[in-house]
Amino acid sequence: MSSLVSVAALRGSRATWAFGVLAVTWLAAILFADGFDSVSNVRYLVQTASFLGIVAVGQTLVVMMSGIDLSVSGVVALSAVVCAKVASGTGGGTTAVLVALLLSALVGAVNAAGVVWLRVPPMVMTLATGTILAGALLVYTDGSPSSAQVPLLDTLANSRILGVPWAFVLWLVVTAAAFWLLHLSRTGRYAFALGAGEDAARASGVPLVSTAFIAYVSCALLAGVAGLVLLGFTGTSSLTMGNPYQLLSIASVVLGGTSILGGRGHLLGTVGGALLLTLLTALLTSWNLSEGVRQVVLGVLIIGLLLVYARERRA
């Protein structure tokens, strides 16, 4: 019954717009650019979309309860840098991965503690955490990138199963788990209730503390997973490797139909939003536009799509 309700909520919602625009954009890419109809290009696009998509799935959990996480870029870098440092030392690949994920989860717990117990606004708390992470990583690495070859991460990032990139399979698994958490579990109902109105949710007995900790820890943990897969993809880590995913993860959530104020949306829309942004970026790159022009055009397109969604919501 819960699954049927969730599917019914997706049908006719703004989440379907993301997939509709994605289909139209893909058709335009096939018609007006070279190579977008090839299997190899499709495989590469879903592979790279997975990095953003994993971060965006975690961001959705936080946004749905009327929060936001501006520290995800720092957590992506933290996970990759720490894993590379430990793996290149005496820790080994498995230990390095576990340490990176543990530290990522710890950052999420700190964010939740600041939001819930110190009553710091989520935007301020997570931005401060991200700034602290950037400074700490600069001290830890002395500004030098670290390289490491971890077989597990290399397989996840670059290998395929039956022609499908493992990174995309990982994204699907993450999405399925988050779908259950958000749309089929009691914690998800609590998150929706908090997004709709914290005071009313508190009066109804919604456990703010446990819900916030689950959402923020999950968000940071998924950002850490994305950092590990990125490390496997590039073979090196840097302090700025997570920067593109901070605002793009939020844009994926909003373009997927989730209200930035929380309480309304669908996780599957985020998947469409991440694919759409990855495709738009690849399309602009194929036209040999400079980085500055790509950023301007991408920003204008995002604003245009959001205006269309806002008009649809008013209607």
Foldseek 3Di string as FASTA:
>chain_A
DLVVVQVVQCPPFLLVVLVVVLVVLLVVCVVPFPDSVDLVNVQVLLLVLLLLLLLLLLQLLQLQLQAGALQLLLLLQQLQQQLLVCCVPPNNNVSSNVVSLVVLLVLLQQLLCCCPVVVDGRVVSNVVSNVVSLVVVCVVVVQDKGFDAHPVLLQCRPNADPSHRNSSVVSVVSLVVSQCCQRPDPLNVLSLVSLVPVVVSVVVPRDSSVSSSVSSSSSSSSSSVSSSNVCSNVRMGGSRPSVVSSVLSVLLQVSSRADSSHNDGHSSSSSSSSSSLSSLLVSVVSVVDDPVVSVVVSVVVSVVSNVVSVVVVVD
